[in-house]
PDB file of N, CA and C in Angstrom:
ATOM      1  N   UNK A   1       0.837  -1.175   0.000  1.00  0.00           N
ATOM      2  CA  UNK A   1       0.000   0.000   0.000  1.00  0.00           C
ATOM      3  C   UNK A   1       0.886   1.243   0.000  1.00  0.00           C
ATOM      4  N   UNK A   2       0.644   2.123  -0.927  1.00  0.00           N
ATOM      5  CA  UNK A   2       1.418   3.354  -1.025  1.00  0.00           C
ATOM      6  C   UNK A   2       0.936   4.357   0.008  1.00  0.00           C
ATOM      7  N   UNK A   3       1.885   4.952   0.727  1.00  0.00           N
ATOM      8  CA  UNK A   3       1.524   5.945   1.725  1.00  0.00           C
ATOM      9  C   UNK A   3       1.749   7.340   1.167  1.00  0.00           C
ATOM     10  N   UNK A   4       0.882   8.247   1.536  1.00  0.00           N
ATOM     11  CA  UNK A   4       1.012   9.612   1.057  1.00  0.00           C
ATOM     12  C   UNK A   4       2.047  10.349   1.898  1.00  0.00           C
ATOM     13  N   UNK A   5       2.482  11.496   1.390  1.00  0.00           N
ATOM     14  CA  UNK A   5       3.440  12.319   2.128  1.00  0.00           C
ATOM     15  C   UNK A   5       2.843  12.780   3.449  1.00  0.00           C
ATOM     16  N   UNK A   6       1.547  13.088   3.444  1.00  0.00           N
ATOM     17  CA  UNK A   6       0.881  13.558   4.663  1.00  0.00           C
ATOM     18  C   UNK A   6       0.828  12.456   5.716  1.00  0.00           C
ATOM     19  N   UNK A   7       0.513  11.227   5.294  1.00  0.00           N
ATOM     20  CA  UNK A   7       0.435  10.142   6.268  1.00  0.00           C
ATOM     21  C   UNK A   7       1.813   9.829   6.857  1.00  0.00           C
ATOM     22  N   UNK A   8       2.864   9.935   6.060  1.00  0.00           N
ATOM     23  CA  UNK A   8       4.221   9.724   6.562  1.00  0.00           C
ATOM     24  C   UNK A   8       4.610  10.832   7.538  1.00  0.00           C
ATOM     25  N   UNK A   9       4.190  12.070   7.241  1.00  0.00           N
ATOM     26  CA  UNK A   9       4.442  13.208   8.128  1.00  0.00           C
ATOM     27  C   UNK A   9       3.761  12.982   9.481  1.00  0.00           C
ATOM     28  N   UNK A  10       2.492  12.566   9.450  1.00  0.00           N
ATOM     29  CA  UNK A  10       1.746  12.334  10.686  1.00  0.00           C
ATOM     30  C   UNK A  10       2.355  11.201  11.500  1.00  0.00           C
ATOM     31  N   UNK A  11       2.867  10.195  10.818  1.00  0.00           N
ATOM     32  CA  UNK A  11       3.517   9.077  11.480  1.00  0.00           C
ATOM     33  C   UNK A  11       4.781   9.546  12.211  1.00  0.00           C
ATOM     34  N   UNK A  12       5.587  10.379  11.529  1.00  0.00           N
ATOM     35  CA  UNK A  12       6.791  10.933  12.150  1.00  0.00           C
ATOM     36  C   UNK A  12       6.436  11.806  13.343  1.00  0.00           C
ATOM     37  N   UNK A  13       5.372  12.609  13.208  1.00  0.00           N
ATOM     38  CA  UNK A  13       4.969  13.507  14.283  1.00  0.00           C
ATOM     39  C   UNK A  13       4.552  12.719  15.522  1.00  0.00           C
ATOM     40  N   UNK A  14       3.751  11.679  15.335  1.00  0.00           N
ATOM     41  CA  UNK A  14       3.300  10.888  16.473  1.00  0.00           C
ATOM     42  C   UNK A  14       4.449  10.096  17.103  1.00  0.00           C
ATOM     43  N   UNK A  15       5.381   9.626  16.301  1.00  0.00           N
ATOM     44  CA  UNK A  15       6.543   8.910  16.833  1.00  0.00           C
ATOM     45  C   UNK A  15       7.355   9.839  17.729  1.00  0.00           C
ATOM     46  N   UNK A  16       7.565  11.074  17.279  1.00  0.00           N
ATOM     47  CA  UNK A  16       8.311  12.061  18.050  1.00  0.00           C
ATOM     48  C   UNK A  16       7.553  12.446  19.318  1.00  0.00           C
ATOM     49  N   UNK A  17       6.264  12.695  19.206  1.00  0.00           N
ATOM     50  CA  UNK A  17       5.459  13.125  20.349  1.00  0.00           C
ATOM     51  C   UNK A  17       5.364  12.026  21.408  1.00  0.00           C
ATOM     52  N   UNK A  18       5.250  10.767  20.981  1.00  0.00           N
ATOM     53  CA  UNK A  18       5.176   9.657  21.936  1.00  0.00           C
ATOM     54  C   UNK A  18       6.480   9.478  22.697  1.00  0.00           C
ATOM     55  N   UNK A  19       7.617   9.711  22.049  1.00  0.00           N
ATOM     56  CA  UNK A  19       8.908   9.644  22.742  1.00  0.00           C
ATOM     57  C   UNK A  19       8.976  10.706  23.829  1.00  0.00           C
ATOM     58  N   UNK A  20       8.458  11.896  23.530  1.00  0.00           N
ATOM     59  CA  UNK A  20       8.468  12.979  24.512  1.00  0.00           C
ATOM     60  C   UNK A  20       7.561  12.632  25.690  1.00  0.00           C
ATOM     61  N   UNK A  21       6.409  12.051  25.429  1.00  0.00           N
ATOM     62  CA  UNK A  21       5.482  11.686  26.500  1.00  0.00           C
ATOM     63  C   UNK A  21       6.070  10.616  27.408  1.00  0.00           C
ATOM     64  N   UNK A  22       6.878   9.713  26.868  1.00  0.00           N
ATOM     65  CA  UNK A  22       7.497   8.670  27.675  1.00  0.00           C
ATOM     66  C   UNK A  22       8.552   9.224  28.622  1.00  0.00           C
ATOM     67  N   UNK A  23       9.173  10.339  28.245  1.00  0.00           N
ATOM     68  CA  UNK A  23      10.240  10.906  29.064  1.00  0.00           C
ATOM     69  C   UNK A  23       9.730  11.445  30.389  1.00  0.00           C
ATOM     70  N   UNK A  24       8.503  11.851  30.438  1.00  0.00           N
ATOM     71  CA  UNK A  24       7.955  12.332  31.699  1.00  0.00           C
ATOM     72  C   UNK A  24       7.254  13.664  31.532  1.00  0.00           C
ATOM     73  N   UNK A  25       6.602  14.075  32.600  1.00  0.00           N
ATOM     74  CA  UNK A  25       5.786  15.270  32.533  1.00  0.00           C
ATOM     75  C   UNK A  25       6.410  16.449  33.271  1.00  0.00           C
ATOM     76  N   UNK A  26       7.660  16.333  33.668  1.00  0.00           N
ATOM     77  CA  UNK A  26       8.272  17.375  34.486  1.00  0.00           C
ATOM     78  C   UNK A  26       8.561  18.669  33.753  1.00  0.00           C
ATOM     79  N   UNK A  27       8.782  18.605  32.465  1.00  0.00           N
ATOM     80  CA  UNK A  27       9.199  19.781  31.712  1.00  0.00           C
ATOM     81  C   UNK A  27       8.124  20.238  30.741  1.00  0.00           C
ATOM     82  N   UNK A  28       8.308  21.459  30.254  1.00  0.00           N
ATOM     83  CA  UNK A  28       7.432  21.985  29.207  1.00  0.00           C
ATOM     84  C   UNK A  28       7.879  21.425  27.859  1.00  0.00           C
ATOM     85  N   UNK A  29       7.046  21.606  26.865  1.00  0.00           N
ATOM     86  CA  UNK A  29       7.341  21.102  25.517  1.00  0.00           C
ATOM     87  C   UNK A  29       7.433  22.287  24.568  1.00  0.00           C
ATOM     88  N   UNK A  30       8.517  22.364  23.803  1.00  0.00           N
ATOM     89  CA  UNK A  30       8.717  23.420  22.812  1.00  0.00           C
ATOM     90  C   UNK A  30       8.270  22.868  21.461  1.00  0.00           C
ATOM     91  N   UNK A  31       7.072  23.256  21.034  1.00  0.00           N
ATOM     92  CA  UNK A  31       6.459  22.697  19.833  1.00  0.00           C
ATOM     93  C   UNK A  31       6.647  23.640  18.650  1.00  0.00           C
ATOM     94  N   UNK A  32       7.152  23.117  17.547  1.00  0.00           N
ATOM     95  CA  UNK A  32       7.458  23.915  16.357  1.00  0.00           C
ATOM     96  C   UNK A  32       6.480  23.576  15.236  1.00  0.00           C
ATOM     97  N   UNK A  33       6.018  24.603  14.539  1.00  0.00           N
ATOM     98  CA  UNK A  33       5.211  24.400  13.341  1.00  0.00           C
ATOM     99  C   UNK A  33       5.779  25.251  12.218  1.00  0.00           C
ATOM    100  N   UNK A  34       5.950  24.630  11.068  1.00  0.00           N
ATOM    101  CA  UNK A  34       6.502  25.323   9.911  1.00  0.00           C
ATOM    102  C   UNK A  34       5.512  25.189   8.760  1.00  0.00           C
ATOM    103  N   UNK A  35       5.102  26.321   8.207  1.00  0.00           N
ATOM    104  CA  UNK A  35       4.251  26.286   7.024  1.00  0.00           C
ATOM    105  C   UNK A  35       5.096  26.735   5.837  1.00  0.00           C
ATOM    106  N   UNK A  36       4.475  26.899   4.705  1.00  0.00           N
ATOM    107  CA  UNK A  36       5.234  27.329   3.537  1.00  0.00           C
ATOM    108  C   UNK A  36       5.625  28.801   3.625  1.00  0.00           C
ATOM    109  N   UNK A  37       4.896  29.583   4.437  1.00  0.00           N
ATOM    110  CA  UNK A  37       5.166  31.015   4.513  1.00  0.00           C
ATOM    111  C   UNK A  37       5.695  31.497   5.856  1.00  0.00           C
ATOM    112  N   UNK A  38       5.451  30.758   6.930  1.00  0.00           N
ATOM    113  CA  UNK A  38       5.818  31.215   8.267  1.00  0.00           C
ATOM    114  C   UNK A  38       6.330  30.068   9.114  1.00  0.00           C
ATOM    115  N   UNK A  39       6.910  30.435  10.258  1.00  0.00           N
ATOM    116  CA  UNK A  39       7.328  29.449  11.247  1.00  0.00           C
ATOM    117  C   UNK A  39       6.884  29.965  12.613  1.00  0.00           C
ATOM    118  N   UNK A  40       6.363  29.060  13.439  1.00  0.00           N
ATOM    119  CA  UNK A  40       5.901  29.460  14.764  1.00  0.00           C
ATOM    120  C   UNK A  40       6.308  28.404  15.772  1.00  0.00           C
ATOM    121  N   UNK A  41       6.397  28.826  17.032  1.00  0.00           N
ATOM    122  CA  UNK A  41       6.819  27.940  18.106  1.00  0.00           C
ATOM    123  C   UNK A  41       6.046  28.306  19.370  1.00  0.00           C
ATOM    124  N   UNK A  42       5.697  27.270  20.146  1.00  0.00           N
ATOM    125  CA  UNK A  42       4.977  27.461  21.396  1.00  0.00           C
ATOM    126  C   UNK A  42       5.663  26.679  22.499  1.00  0.00           C
ATOM    127  N   UNK A  43       5.678  27.237  23.689  1.00  0.00           N
ATOM    128  CA  UNK A  43       6.154  26.551  24.870  1.00  0.00           C
ATOM    129  C   UNK A  43       4.916  26.116  25.652  1.00  0.00           C
ATOM    130  N   UNK A  44       4.678  24.803  25.715  1.00  0.00           N
ATOM    131  CA  UNK A  44       3.425  24.267  26.238  1.00  0.00           C
ATOM    132  C   UNK A  44       3.673  23.475  27.521  1.00  0.00           C
ATOM    133  N   UNK A  45       2.846  23.741  28.532  1.00  0.00           N
ATOM    134  CA  UNK A  45       2.837  22.949  29.758  1.00  0.00           C
ATOM    135  C   UNK A  45       1.730  21.908  29.603  1.00  0.00           C
ATOM    136  N   UNK A  46       2.108  20.658  29.351  1.00  0.00           N
ATOM    137  CA  UNK A  46       1.131  19.612  29.061  1.00  0.00           C
ATOM    138  C   UNK A  46       0.349  19.164  30.289  1.00  0.00           C
ATOM    139  N   UNK A  47       0.911  19.316  31.483  1.00  0.00           N
ATOM    140  CA  UNK A  47       0.191  18.882  32.683  1.00  0.00           C
ATOM    141  C   UNK A  47      -1.037  19.750  32.920  1.00  0.00           C
ATOM    142  N   UNK A  48      -0.915  21.060  32.663  1.00  0.00           N
ATOM    143  CA  UNK A  48      -2.050  21.974  32.839  1.00  0.00           C
ATOM    144  C   UNK A  48      -2.743  22.309  31.529  1.00  0.00           C
ATOM    145  N   UNK A  49      -2.134  21.944  30.408  1.00  0.00           N
ATOM    146  CA  UNK A  49      -2.716  22.242  29.101  1.00  0.00           C
ATOM    147  C   UNK A  49      -2.708  23.727  28.786  1.00  0.00           C
ATOM    148  N   UNK A  50      -1.586  24.401  29.110  1.00  0.00           N
ATOM    149  CA  UNK A  50      -1.496  25.846  28.962  1.00  0.00           C
ATOM    150  C   UNK A  50      -0.282  26.198  28.109  1.00  0.00           C
ATOM    151  N   UNK A  51      -0.439  27.198  27.246  1.00  0.00           N
ATOM    152  CA  UNK A  51       0.688  27.731  26.502  1.00  0.00           C
ATOM    153  C   UNK A  51       1.370  28.794  27.356  1.00  0.00           C
ATOM    154  N   UNK A  52       2.653  28.584  27.659  1.00  0.00           N
ATOM    155  CA  UNK A  52       3.393  29.496  28.520  1.00  0.00           C
ATOM    156  C   UNK A  52       3.978  30.672  27.745  1.00  0.00           C
ATOM    157  N   UNK A  53       4.440  30.413  26.522  1.00  0.00           N
ATOM    158  CA  UNK A  53       5.029  31.460  25.685  1.00  0.00           C
ATOM    159  C   UNK A  53       4.916  31.038  24.231  1.00  0.00           C
ATOM    160  N   UNK A  54       4.924  32.017  23.350  1.00  0.00           N
ATOM    161  CA  UNK A  54       4.840  31.721  21.916  1.00  0.00           C
ATOM    162  C   UNK A  54       5.601  32.781  21.137  1.00  0.00           C
ATOM    163  N   UNK A  55       6.059  32.403  19.961  1.00  0.00           N
ATOM    164  CA  UNK A  55       6.718  33.335  19.052  1.00  0.00           C
ATOM    165  C   UNK A  55       6.441  32.871  17.629  1.00  0.00           C
ATOM    166  N   UNK A  56       6.389  33.835  16.712  1.00  0.00           N
ATOM    167  CA  UNK A  56       6.062  33.506  15.334  1.00  0.00           C
ATOM    168  C   UNK A  56       6.718  34.500  14.393  1.00  0.00           C
ATOM    169  N   UNK A  57       6.941  34.073  13.165  1.00  0.00           N
ATOM    170  CA  UNK A  57       7.490  34.983  12.168  1.00  0.00           C
ATOM    171  C   UNK A  57       6.423  35.949  11.662  1.00  0.00           C
ATOM    172  N   UNK A  58       5.183  35.809  12.115  1.00  0.00           N
ATOM    173  CA  UNK A  58       4.116  36.730  11.726  1.00  0.00           C
ATOM    174  C   UNK A  58       4.088  37.985  12.596  1.00  0.00           C
ATOM    175  N   UNK A  59       4.914  38.017  13.654  1.00  0.00           N
ATOM    176  CA  UNK A  59       4.963  39.177  14.536  1.00  0.00           C
ATOM    177  C   UNK A  59       5.757  40.312  13.874  1.00  0.00           C
ATOM    178  N   UNK A  60       5.189  41.487  13.866  1.00  0.00           N
ATOM    179  CA  UNK A  60       5.849  42.631  13.237  1.00  0.00           C
ATOM    180  C   UNK A  60       7.094  43.049  13.992  1.00  0.00           C
ATOM    181  N   UNK A  61       7.127  42.810  15.303  1.00  0.00           N
ATOM    182  CA  UNK A  61       8.267  43.231  16.121  1.00  0.00           C
ATOM    183  C   UNK A  61       9.561  42.510  15.730  1.00  0.00           C
ATOM    184  N   UNK A  62       9.461  41.305  15.214  1.00  0.00           N
ATOM    185  CA  UNK A  62      10.653  40.553  14.817  1.00  0.00           C
ATOM    186  C   UNK A  62      11.197  41.000  13.464  1.00  0.00           C
ATOM    187  N   UNK A  63      10.372  41.643  12.673  1.00  0.00           N
ATOM    188  CA  UNK A  63      10.827  42.173  11.391  1.00  0.00           C
ATOM    189  C   UNK A  63      11.005  41.152  10.291  1.00  0.00           C
ATOM    190  N   UNK A  64      10.350  40.024  10.388  1.00  0.00           N
ATOM    191  CA  UNK A  64      10.477  38.989   9.345  1.00  0.00           C
ATOM    192  C   UNK A  64       9.102  38.519   8.892  1.00  0.00           C
ATOM    193  N   UNK A  65       8.134  39.412   8.854  1.00  0.00           N
ATOM    194  CA  UNK A  65       6.750  39.044   8.531  1.00  0.00           C
ATOM    195  C   UNK A  65       6.679  38.405   7.150  1.00  0.00           C
ATOM    196  N   UNK A  66       6.058  37.241   7.094  1.00  0.00           N
ATOM    197  CA  UNK A  66       5.851  36.557   5.824  1.00  0.00           C
ATOM    198  C   UNK A  66       7.077  35.861   5.282  1.00  0.00           C
ATOM    199  N   UNK A  67       8.113  35.721   6.095  1.00  0.00           N
ATOM    200  CA  UNK A  67       9.319  35.038   5.626  1.00  0.00           C
ATOM    201  C   UNK A  67       9.455  33.705   6.341  1.00  0.00           C
ATOM    202  N   UNK A  68       9.936  32.740   5.630  1.00  0.00           N
ATOM    203  CA  UNK A  68      10.171  31.422   6.201  1.00  0.00           C
ATOM    204  C   UNK A  68      11.542  30.959   5.732  1.00  0.00           C
ATOM    205  N   UNK A  69      12.574  31.600   6.283  1.00  0.00           N
ATOM    206  CA  UNK A  69      13.931  31.226   5.941  1.00  0.00           C
ATOM    207  C   UNK A  69      14.739  31.025   7.225  1.00  0.00           C
ATOM    208  N   UNK A  70      16.008  30.736   7.093  1.00  0.00           N
ATOM    209  CA  UNK A  70      16.832  30.445   8.259  1.00  0.00           C
ATOM    210  C   UNK A  70      16.990  31.679   9.131  1.00  0.00           C
ATOM    211  N   UNK A  71      17.062  32.856   8.536  1.00  0.00           N
ATOM    212  CA  UNK A  71      17.170  34.099   9.308  1.00  0.00           C
ATOM    213  C   UNK A  71      15.934  34.301  10.182  1.00  0.00           C
ATOM    214  N   UNK A  72      14.757  34.082   9.610  1.00  0.00           N
ATOM    215  CA  UNK A  72      13.512  34.210  10.369  1.00  0.00           C
ATOM    216  C   UNK A  72      13.465  33.178  11.498  1.00  0.00           C
ATOM    217  N   UNK A  73      13.903  31.956  11.218  1.00  0.00           N
ATOM    218  CA  UNK A  73      13.907  30.910  12.236  1.00  0.00           C
ATOM    219  C   UNK A  73      14.824  31.265  13.400  1.00  0.00           C
ATOM    220  N   UNK A  74      15.960  31.861  13.091  1.00  0.00           N
ATOM    221  CA  UNK A  74      16.902  32.264  14.127  1.00  0.00           C
ATOM    222  C   UNK A  74      16.297  33.333  15.024  1.00  0.00           C
ATOM    223  N   UNK A  75      15.624  34.309  14.428  1.00  0.00           N
ATOM    224  CA  UNK A  75      14.998  35.371  15.220  1.00  0.00           C
ATOM    225  C   UNK A  75      13.861  34.838  16.079  1.00  0.00           C
ATOM    226  N   UNK A  76      13.079  33.913  15.544  1.00  0.00           N
ATOM    227  CA  UNK A  76      11.977  33.319  16.303  1.00  0.00           C
ATOM    228  C   UNK A  76      12.532  32.484  17.457  1.00  0.00           C
ATOM    229  N   UNK A  77      13.619  31.752  17.219  1.00  0.00           N
ATOM    230  CA  UNK A  77      14.252  30.960  18.277  1.00  0.00           C
ATOM    231  C   UNK A  77      14.789  31.825  19.405  1.00  0.00           C
ATOM    232  N   UNK A  78      15.403  32.953  19.064  1.00  0.00           N
ATOM    233  CA  UNK A  78      15.911  33.873  20.087  1.00  0.00           C
ATOM    234  C   UNK A  78      14.750  34.483  20.877  1.00  0.00           C
ATOM    235  N   UNK A  79      13.657  34.806  20.191  1.00  0.00           N
ATOM    236  CA  UNK A  79      12.496  35.406  20.852  1.00  0.00           C
ATOM    237  C   UNK A  79      11.850  34.427  21.829  1.00  0.00           C
ATOM    238  N   UNK A  80      11.732  33.161  21.453  1.00  0.00           N
ATOM    239  CA  UNK A  80      11.099  32.191  22.356  1.00  0.00           C
ATOM    240  C   UNK A  80      11.983  31.934  23.567  1.00  0.00           C
ATOM    241  N   UNK A  81      13.295  31.967  23.389  1.00  0.00           N
ATOM    242  CA  UNK A  81      14.189  31.770  24.533  1.00  0.00           C
ATOM    243  C   UNK A  81      14.041  32.905  25.536  1.00  0.00           C
ATOM    244  N   UNK A  82      13.936  34.112  25.026  1.00  0.00           N
ATOM    245  CA  UNK A  82      13.761  35.280  25.893  1.00  0.00           C
ATOM    246  C   UNK A  82      12.420  35.220  26.633  1.00  0.00           C
ATOM    247  N   UNK A  83      11.369  34.853  25.935  1.00  0.00           N
ATOM    248  CA  UNK A  83      10.034  34.773  26.539  1.00  0.00           C
ATOM    249  C   UNK A  83       9.933  33.611  27.523  1.00  0.00           C
ATOM    250  N   UNK A  84      10.676  32.539  27.263  1.00  0.00           N
ATOM    251  CA  UNK A  84      10.677  31.403  28.183  1.00  0.00           C
ATOM    252  C   UNK A  84      11.334  31.796  29.502  1.00  0.00           C
ATOM    253  N   UNK A  85      12.398  32.589  29.425  1.00  0.00           N
ATOM    254  CA  UNK A  85      13.048  33.065  30.644  1.00  0.00           C
ATOM    255  C   UNK A  85      12.085  33.911  31.469  1.00  0.00           C
ATOM    256  N   UNK A  86      11.311  34.768  30.793  1.00  0.00           N
ATOM    257  CA  UNK A  86      10.333  35.603  31.494  1.00  0.00           C
ATOM    258  C   UNK A  86       9.249  34.752  32.142  1.00  0.00           C
ATOM    259  N   UNK A  87       8.916  33.628  31.507  1.00  0.00           N
ATOM    260  CA  UNK A  87       7.896  32.724  32.048  1.00  0.00           C
ATOM    261  C   UNK A  87       8.471  31.805  33.126  1.00  0.00           C
ATOM    262  N   UNK A  88       9.796  31.847  33.320  1.00  0.00           N
ATOM    263  CA  UNK A  88      10.431  31.029  34.351  1.00  0.00           C
ATOM    264  C   UNK A  88      10.756  29.616  33.915  1.00  0.00           C
ATOM    265  N   UNK A  89      10.897  29.401  32.624  1.00  0.00           N
ATOM    266  CA  UNK A  89      11.205  28.066  32.101  1.00  0.00           C
ATOM    267  C   UNK A  89      12.649  28.057  31.615  1.00  0.00           C
ATOM    268  N   UNK A  90      13.423  27.086  32.126  1.00  0.00           N
ATOM    269  CA  UNK A  90      14.815  26.950  31.693  1.00  0.00           C
ATOM    270  C   UNK A  90      15.052  25.675  30.901  1.00  0.00           C
ATOM    271  N   UNK A  91      14.285  24.618  31.221  1.00  0.00           N
ATOM    272  CA  UNK A  91      14.447  23.337  30.540  1.00  0.00           C
ATOM    273  C   UNK A  91      13.135  22.928  29.891  1.00  0.00           C
ATOM    274  N   UNK A  92      13.233  22.321  28.714  1.00  0.00           N
ATOM    275  CA  UNK A  92      12.044  21.861  28.013  1.00  0.00           C
ATOM    276  C   UNK A  92      12.422  20.718  27.076  1.00  0.00           C
ATOM    277  N   UNK A  93      11.413  20.080  26.524  1.00  0.00           N
ATOM    278  CA  UNK A  93      11.612  19.065  25.496  1.00  0.00           C
ATOM    279  C   UNK A  93      11.365  19.717  24.148  1.00  0.00           C
ATOM    280  N   UNK A  94      12.175  19.379  23.153  1.00  0.00           N
ATOM    281  CA  UNK A  94      12.031  19.947  21.810  1.00  0.00           C
ATOM    282  C   UNK A  94      11.147  19.033  20.977  1.00  0.00           C
ATOM    283  N   UNK A  95       9.974  19.530  20.614  1.00  0.00           N
ATOM    284  CA  UNK A  95       9.022  18.777  19.805  1.00  0.00           C
ATOM    285  C   UNK A  95       9.048  19.345  18.389  1.00  0.00           C
ATOM    286  N   UNK A  96       9.764  18.673  17.508  1.00  0.00           N
ATOM    287  CA  UNK A  96       9.888  19.152  16.134  1.00  0.00           C
ATOM    288  C   UNK A  96       8.693  18.767  15.286  1.00  0.00           C
ATOM    289  N   UNK A  97       7.753  18.035  15.866  1.00  0.00           N
ATOM    290  CA  UNK A  97       6.598  17.580  15.110  1.00  0.00           C
ATOM    291  C   UNK A  97       7.049  16.550  14.098  1.00  0.00           C
ATOM    292  N   UNK A  98       6.548  16.608  12.905  1.00  0.00           N
ATOM    293  CA  UNK A  98       6.950  15.678  11.855  1.00  0.00           C
ATOM    294  C   UNK A  98       8.031  16.246  10.967  1.00  0.00           C
ATOM    295  N   UNK A  99       8.537  17.426  11.344  1.00  0.00           N
ATOM    296  CA  UNK A  99       9.539  18.091  10.519  1.00  0.00           C
ATOM    297  C   UNK A  99      10.917  17.519  10.804  1.00  0.00           C
ATOM    298  N   UNK A 100      11.721  17.388   9.776  1.00  0.00           N
ATOM    299  CA  UNK A 100      13.056  16.838   9.906  1.00  0.00           C
ATOM    300  C   UNK A 100      13.963  17.870  10.580  1.00  0.00           C
ATOM    301  N   UNK A 101      14.811  17.423  11.503  1.00  0.00           N
ATOM    302  CA  UNK A 101      15.714  18.309  12.238  1.00  0.00           C
ATOM    303  C   UNK A 101      16.859  18.703  11.311  1.00  0.00           C
ATOM    304  N   UNK A 102      16.599  19.730  10.509  1.00  0.00           N
ATOM    305  CA  UNK A 102      17.553  20.161   9.494  1.00  0.00           C
ATOM    306  C   UNK A 102      17.146  21.540   9.034  1.00  0.00           C
ATOM    307  N   UNK A 103      18.078  22.378   8.671  1.00  0.00           N
ATOM    308  CA  UNK A 103      17.758  23.672   8.090  1.00  0.00           C
ATOM    309  C   UNK A 103      17.079  24.612   9.066  1.00  0.00           C
ATOM    310  N   UNK A 104      15.837  24.981   8.751  1.00  0.00           N
ATOM    311  CA  UNK A 104      15.101  25.980   9.537  1.00  0.00           C
ATOM    312  C   UNK A 104      14.809  25.509  10.952  1.00  0.00           C
ATOM    313  N   UNK A 105      14.462  24.240  11.108  1.00  0.00           N
ATOM    314  CA  UNK A 105      14.159  23.699  12.429  1.00  0.00           C
ATOM    315  C   UNK A 105      15.426  23.677  13.282  1.00  0.00           C
ATOM    316  N   UNK A 106      16.538  23.295  12.686  1.00  0.00           N
ATOM    317  CA  UNK A 106      17.813  23.258  13.400  1.00  0.00           C
ATOM    318  C   UNK A 106      18.254  24.660  13.772  1.00  0.00           C
ATOM    319  N   UNK A 107      18.065  25.635  12.880  1.00  0.00           N
ATOM    320  CA  UNK A 107      18.436  27.020  13.166  1.00  0.00           C
ATOM    321  C   UNK A 107      17.629  27.566  14.334  1.00  0.00           C
ATOM    322  N   UNK A 108      16.337  27.249  14.378  1.00  0.00           N
ATOM    323  CA  UNK A 108      15.485  27.679  15.489  1.00  0.00           C
ATOM    324  C   UNK A 108      15.966  27.056  16.797  1.00  0.00           C
ATOM    325  N   UNK A 109      16.268  25.772  16.787  1.00  0.00           N
ATOM    326  CA  UNK A 109      16.718  25.081  17.994  1.00  0.00           C
ATOM    327  C   UNK A 109      18.052  25.643  18.482  1.00  0.00           C
ATOM    328  N   UNK A 110      18.977  25.889  17.574  1.00  0.00           N
ATOM    329  CA  UNK A 110      20.281  26.435  17.959  1.00  0.00           C
ATOM    330  C   UNK A 110      20.150  27.836  18.557  1.00  0.00           C
ATOM    331  N   UNK A 111      19.284  28.665  17.980  1.00  0.00           N
ATOM    332  CA  UNK A 111      19.075  30.012  18.500  1.00  0.00           C
ATOM    333  C   UNK A 111      18.431  29.964  19.887  1.00  0.00           C
ATOM    334  N   UNK A 112      17.516  29.033  20.099  1.00  0.00           N
ATOM    335  CA  UNK A 112      16.876  28.897  21.411  1.00  0.00           C
ATOM    336  C   UNK A 112      17.895  28.431  22.442  1.00  0.00           C
ATOM    337  N   UNK A 113      18.798  27.530  22.043  1.00  0.00           N
ATOM    338  CA  UNK A 113      19.852  27.065  22.962  1.00  0.00           C
ATOM    339  C   UNK A 113      20.800  28.220  23.316  1.00  0.00           C
ATOM    340  N   UNK A 114      21.167  29.016  22.332  1.00  0.00           N
ATOM    341  CA  UNK A 114      22.044  30.161  22.583  1.00  0.00           C
ATOM    342  C   UNK A 114      21.379  31.182  23.497  1.00  0.00           C
ATOM    343  N   UNK A 115      20.042  31.245  23.432  1.00  0.00           N
ATOM    344  CA  UNK A 115      19.299  32.155  24.285  1.00  0.00           C
ATOM    345  C   UNK A 115      19.155  31.671  25.715  1.00  0.00           C
ATOM    346  N   UNK A 116      19.564  30.422  25.987  1.00  0.00           N
ATOM    347  CA  UNK A 116      19.562  29.936  27.350  1.00  0.00           C
ATOM    348  C   UNK A 116      18.623  28.774  27.627  1.00  0.00           C
ATOM    349  N   UNK A 117      17.831  28.348  26.658  1.00  0.00           N
ATOM    350  CA  UNK A 117      16.964  27.184  26.868  1.00  0.00           C
ATOM    351  C   UNK A 117      17.786  25.905  26.804  1.00  0.00           C
ATOM    352  N   UNK A 118      17.442  24.950  27.649  1.00  0.00           N
ATOM    353  CA  UNK A 118      18.121  23.662  27.648  1.00  0.00           C
ATOM    354  C   UNK A 118      17.135  22.584  27.243  1.00  0.00           C
ATOM    355  N   UNK A 119      17.486  21.806  26.213  1.00  0.00           N
ATOM    356  CA  UNK A 119      16.665  20.657  25.817  1.00  0.00           C
ATOM    357  C   UNK A 119      17.528  19.622  25.157  1.00  0.00           C
TER     358      UNK A 119
END
């Protein structure tokens, strides 16, 4: 049976998310979403079901509105690290979803690490 690109993506996403759930509930989850035009990230507390902080390339303050490149990912990663510090979060799990850890996703993760987040 031939699988579609979407079904393979969903399979990767659930495999990644289940690994994070097995690790425990002590930390927040840094969830990344990448579309064709933008990139966004949320810091989620799964025990309470609350978003603690968020950042997106759609924010005018970051100066990368409508861009989805490595530069935009770096700025979004730095912004989420700063907002996580304000929310009192230092450690989290990195949830890349079904996206491959390469390019834009890697740039976002590296910028968040440089900003002080540990995952």
